[in-house]
Structures are given as C-alpha cells and as structure tokens.
Amino acid sequence: MTQLLLLLVALLVLGHAPPGRSEFKRCWKGQGACRTYCTRQETYMHLCPDASLCCLSYALKPPPVPRPEYE
C-alpha cells in the first residue's frame, strides 16, 4: 500500500512539470523564442514585448528585401 501511494504521488508531481519548450515565450509567428541571449545558430529579428530578444534560426530567417537600384 505504501509503494502504491508513493507511486501515485510521484506520478502527480511529474504530471505537473512543464514541458521542455514552454520555458521560452514564442515570437515571430511561433517560429522564434524570446530569450536573453541567442545561441550561435540563431539571430534576433526584433524585441519581444518583455524587451528580450526574439531569437530565430538562420534557416528560418526571411531573405532581405531587395532595394531598388537607381541609375
């Protein structure tokens, strides 16, 4: 009976743990993450509402807008 109670308590505690990726707020249409620092494989696009960086993978970064050439 004691082992069953211990197992039940352990499952309840583990069930309330947040998922791994929920620690960062999402930005840039759900593709970026709001963080204090970006990793080496990421760049920041703009600031999140809480003034942290919106880190976006280089693979997901949109291409730059072409500027018109003046003659």
N, C-alpha and C. Protein backbone atom coordinates (compact mmCIF):
# COMPACT_ATOMS: atom_id res chain seq x y z
N MET A 1 0.83 -1.19 0.00
CA MET A 1 0.00 0.00 0.00
C MET A 1 0.87 1.26 0.00
N THR A 2 1.98 1.22 0.74
CA THR A 2 2.87 2.38 0.81
C THR A 2 3.52 2.64 -0.55
N GLN A 3 3.90 1.58 -1.24
CA GLN A 3 4.51 1.74 -2.55
C GLN A 3 3.51 2.29 -3.56
N LEU A 4 2.28 1.89 -3.46
CA LEU A 4 1.25 2.40 -4.35
C LEU A 4 1.02 3.89 -4.11
N LEU A 5 1.00 4.29 -2.86
CA LEU A 5 0.84 5.70 -2.52
C LEU A 5 2.03 6.52 -3.00
N LEU A 6 3.23 6.00 -2.83
CA LEU A 6 4.43 6.68 -3.30
C LEU A 6 4.43 6.82 -4.83
N LEU A 7 4.00 5.79 -5.53
CA LEU A 7 3.91 5.84 -6.98
C LEU A 7 2.87 6.87 -7.43
N LEU A 8 1.77 6.94 -6.76
CA LEU A 8 0.73 7.91 -7.08
C LEU A 8 1.22 9.33 -6.89
N VAL A 9 1.91 9.59 -5.79
CA VAL A 9 2.45 10.93 -5.52
C VAL A 9 3.50 11.30 -6.56
N ALA A 10 4.37 10.35 -6.93
CA ALA A 10 5.41 10.61 -7.93
C ALA A 10 4.78 10.94 -9.29
N LEU A 11 3.75 10.22 -9.67
CA LEU A 11 3.09 10.50 -10.95
C LEU A 11 2.40 11.85 -10.94
N LEU A 12 1.82 12.23 -9.84
CA LEU A 12 1.19 13.55 -9.75
C LEU A 12 2.22 14.67 -9.84
N VAL A 13 3.35 14.49 -9.18
CA VAL A 13 4.41 15.52 -9.23
C VAL A 13 4.97 15.62 -10.64
N LEU A 14 5.24 14.51 -11.29
CA LEU A 14 5.78 14.53 -12.65
C LEU A 14 4.76 15.05 -13.66
N GLY A 15 3.50 14.85 -13.40
CA GLY A 15 2.46 15.34 -14.29
C GLY A 15 2.33 16.85 -14.29
N HIS A 16 2.76 17.51 -13.23
CA HIS A 16 2.66 18.96 -13.15
C HIS A 16 3.92 19.66 -13.64
N ALA A 17 4.94 18.93 -14.04
CA ALA A 17 6.15 19.55 -14.57
C ALA A 17 5.86 20.13 -15.95
N PRO A 18 6.36 21.31 -16.24
CA PRO A 18 6.09 21.91 -17.55
C PRO A 18 6.84 21.18 -18.66
N PRO A 19 6.33 21.20 -19.87
CA PRO A 19 7.06 20.59 -20.99
C PRO A 19 8.37 21.32 -21.24
N GLY A 20 9.28 20.68 -21.94
CA GLY A 20 10.63 21.23 -22.13
C GLY A 20 10.70 22.57 -22.84
N ARG A 21 9.87 22.83 -23.83
CA ARG A 21 10.00 24.05 -24.62
C ARG A 21 9.11 25.18 -24.11
N SER A 22 8.40 24.98 -23.01
CA SER A 22 7.50 26.03 -22.55
C SER A 22 8.21 27.10 -21.73
N GLU A 23 9.51 26.94 -21.50
CA GLU A 23 10.22 27.90 -20.68
C GLU A 23 10.47 29.22 -21.41
N PHE A 24 10.37 29.22 -22.74
CA PHE A 24 10.58 30.43 -23.52
C PHE A 24 9.28 30.85 -24.17
N LYS A 25 9.04 32.13 -24.21
CA LYS A 25 7.87 32.64 -24.92
C LYS A 25 8.15 32.57 -26.41
N ARG A 26 7.12 32.35 -27.18
CA ARG A 26 7.27 32.23 -28.62
C ARG A 26 7.06 33.58 -29.28
N CYS A 27 7.70 33.80 -30.43
CA CYS A 27 7.56 35.03 -31.19
C CYS A 27 7.73 34.71 -32.66
N TRP A 28 7.59 35.72 -33.51
CA TRP A 28 7.76 35.60 -34.96
C TRP A 28 6.90 34.47 -35.51
N LYS A 29 5.60 34.58 -35.27
CA LYS A 29 4.60 33.62 -35.74
C LYS A 29 4.87 32.21 -35.21
N GLY A 30 5.38 32.11 -34.00
CA GLY A 30 5.62 30.81 -33.38
C GLY A 30 6.91 30.14 -33.78
N GLN A 31 7.73 30.77 -34.61
CA GLN A 31 8.97 30.14 -35.07
C GLN A 31 10.18 30.58 -34.26
N GLY A 32 10.08 31.66 -33.51
CA GLY A 32 11.19 32.16 -32.72
C GLY A 32 10.93 31.98 -31.23
N ALA A 33 11.93 32.28 -30.43
CA ALA A 33 11.80 32.17 -28.97
C ALA A 33 12.35 33.44 -28.33
N CYS A 34 11.64 33.96 -27.34
CA CYS A 34 12.09 35.14 -26.61
C CYS A 34 13.11 34.70 -25.56
N ARG A 35 14.32 35.21 -25.67
CA ARG A 35 15.40 34.84 -24.75
C ARG A 35 16.25 36.06 -24.44
N THR A 36 17.06 35.93 -23.40
CA THR A 36 18.01 36.99 -23.06
C THR A 36 19.16 37.00 -24.05
N TYR A 37 19.66 35.82 -24.42
CA TYR A 37 20.75 35.68 -25.39
C TYR A 37 20.35 34.65 -26.43
N CYS A 38 20.74 34.88 -27.68
CA CYS A 38 20.50 33.91 -28.75
C CYS A 38 21.69 32.95 -28.83
N THR A 39 21.45 31.74 -29.33
CA THR A 39 22.52 30.77 -29.49
C THR A 39 23.33 31.10 -30.75
N ARG A 40 24.40 30.35 -30.99
CA ARG A 40 25.25 30.60 -32.17
C ARG A 40 24.52 30.33 -33.47
N GLN A 41 23.53 29.46 -33.46
CA GLN A 41 22.80 29.12 -34.67
C GLN A 41 21.59 30.03 -34.89
N GLU A 42 21.47 31.09 -34.10
CA GLU A 42 20.30 31.96 -34.17
C GLU A 42 20.72 33.42 -34.32
N THR A 43 19.80 34.20 -34.83
CA THR A 43 19.95 35.64 -34.90
C THR A 43 18.67 36.25 -34.33
N TYR A 44 18.71 37.52 -33.96
CA TYR A 44 17.49 38.12 -33.44
C TYR A 44 16.87 39.02 -34.49
N MET A 45 15.56 39.02 -34.53
CA MET A 45 14.83 39.80 -35.52
C MET A 45 14.34 41.12 -34.94
N HIS A 46 13.78 41.06 -33.75
CA HIS A 46 13.25 42.25 -33.09
C HIS A 46 13.13 41.94 -31.61
N LEU A 47 12.65 42.86 -30.85
CA LEU A 47 12.50 42.65 -29.42
C LEU A 47 11.11 42.12 -29.10
N CYS A 48 11.04 41.26 -28.11
CA CYS A 48 9.76 40.75 -27.62
C CYS A 48 9.12 41.80 -26.71
N PRO A 49 7.85 41.64 -26.37
CA PRO A 49 7.18 42.63 -25.51
C PRO A 49 7.85 42.84 -24.15
N ASP A 50 8.55 41.82 -23.65
CA ASP A 50 9.23 41.97 -22.36
C ASP A 50 10.67 42.45 -22.53
N ALA A 51 11.01 43.00 -23.69
CA ALA A 51 12.33 43.58 -24.01
C ALA A 51 13.43 42.53 -24.14
N SER A 52 13.09 41.25 -24.28
CA SER A 52 14.09 40.24 -24.57
C SER A 52 14.20 40.08 -26.09
N LEU A 53 15.19 39.34 -26.54
CA LEU A 53 15.43 39.16 -27.97
C LEU A 53 14.54 38.06 -28.54
N CYS A 54 14.04 38.28 -29.74
CA CYS A 54 13.29 37.24 -30.45
C CYS A 54 14.30 36.47 -31.29
N CYS A 55 14.76 35.34 -30.80
CA CYS A 55 15.81 34.55 -31.46
C CYS A 55 15.19 33.65 -32.52
N LEU A 56 15.74 33.73 -33.73
CA LEU A 56 15.23 32.98 -34.86
C LEU A 56 16.38 32.25 -35.53
N SER A 57 16.17 30.99 -35.87
CA SER A 57 17.21 30.19 -36.52
C SER A 57 17.59 30.82 -37.85
N TYR A 58 18.86 30.71 -38.23
CA TYR A 58 19.32 31.25 -39.51
C TYR A 58 18.55 30.61 -40.66
N ALA A 59 18.14 29.36 -40.52
CA ALA A 59 17.40 28.69 -41.59
C ALA A 59 16.01 29.30 -41.77
N LEU A 60 15.45 29.86 -40.73
CA LEU A 60 14.10 30.43 -40.80
C LEU A 60 14.09 31.93 -41.06
N LYS A 61 15.25 32.55 -41.07
CA LYS A 61 15.31 34.00 -41.25
C LYS A 61 14.85 34.36 -42.66
N PRO A 62 13.92 35.30 -42.77
CA PRO A 62 13.45 35.67 -44.10
C PRO A 62 14.55 36.38 -44.89
N PRO A 63 14.53 36.24 -46.22
CA PRO A 63 15.55 36.90 -47.03
C PRO A 63 15.39 38.41 -46.96
N PRO A 64 16.47 39.16 -47.14
CA PRO A 64 16.38 40.62 -47.09
C PRO A 64 15.55 41.16 -48.26
N VAL A 65 14.91 42.26 -48.02
CA VAL A 65 14.10 42.90 -49.05
C VAL A 65 15.03 43.55 -50.06
N PRO A 66 14.89 43.24 -51.34
CA PRO A 66 15.77 43.84 -52.34
C PRO A 66 15.47 45.34 -52.47
N ARG A 67 16.52 46.11 -52.52
CA ARG A 67 16.37 47.56 -52.68
C ARG A 67 16.40 47.92 -54.15
N PRO A 68 15.60 48.88 -54.55
CA PRO A 68 15.62 49.27 -55.96
C PRO A 68 16.93 49.96 -56.31
N GLU A 69 17.42 49.66 -57.50
CA GLU A 69 18.66 50.28 -57.95
C GLU A 69 18.35 51.56 -58.72
N TYR A 70 19.05 52.60 -58.38
CA TYR A 70 18.87 53.88 -59.04
C TYR A 70 19.98 54.08 -60.07
N GLU A 71 19.61 54.58 -61.21
CA GLU A 71 20.62 54.82 -62.26
C GLU A 71 20.94 56.28 -62.37
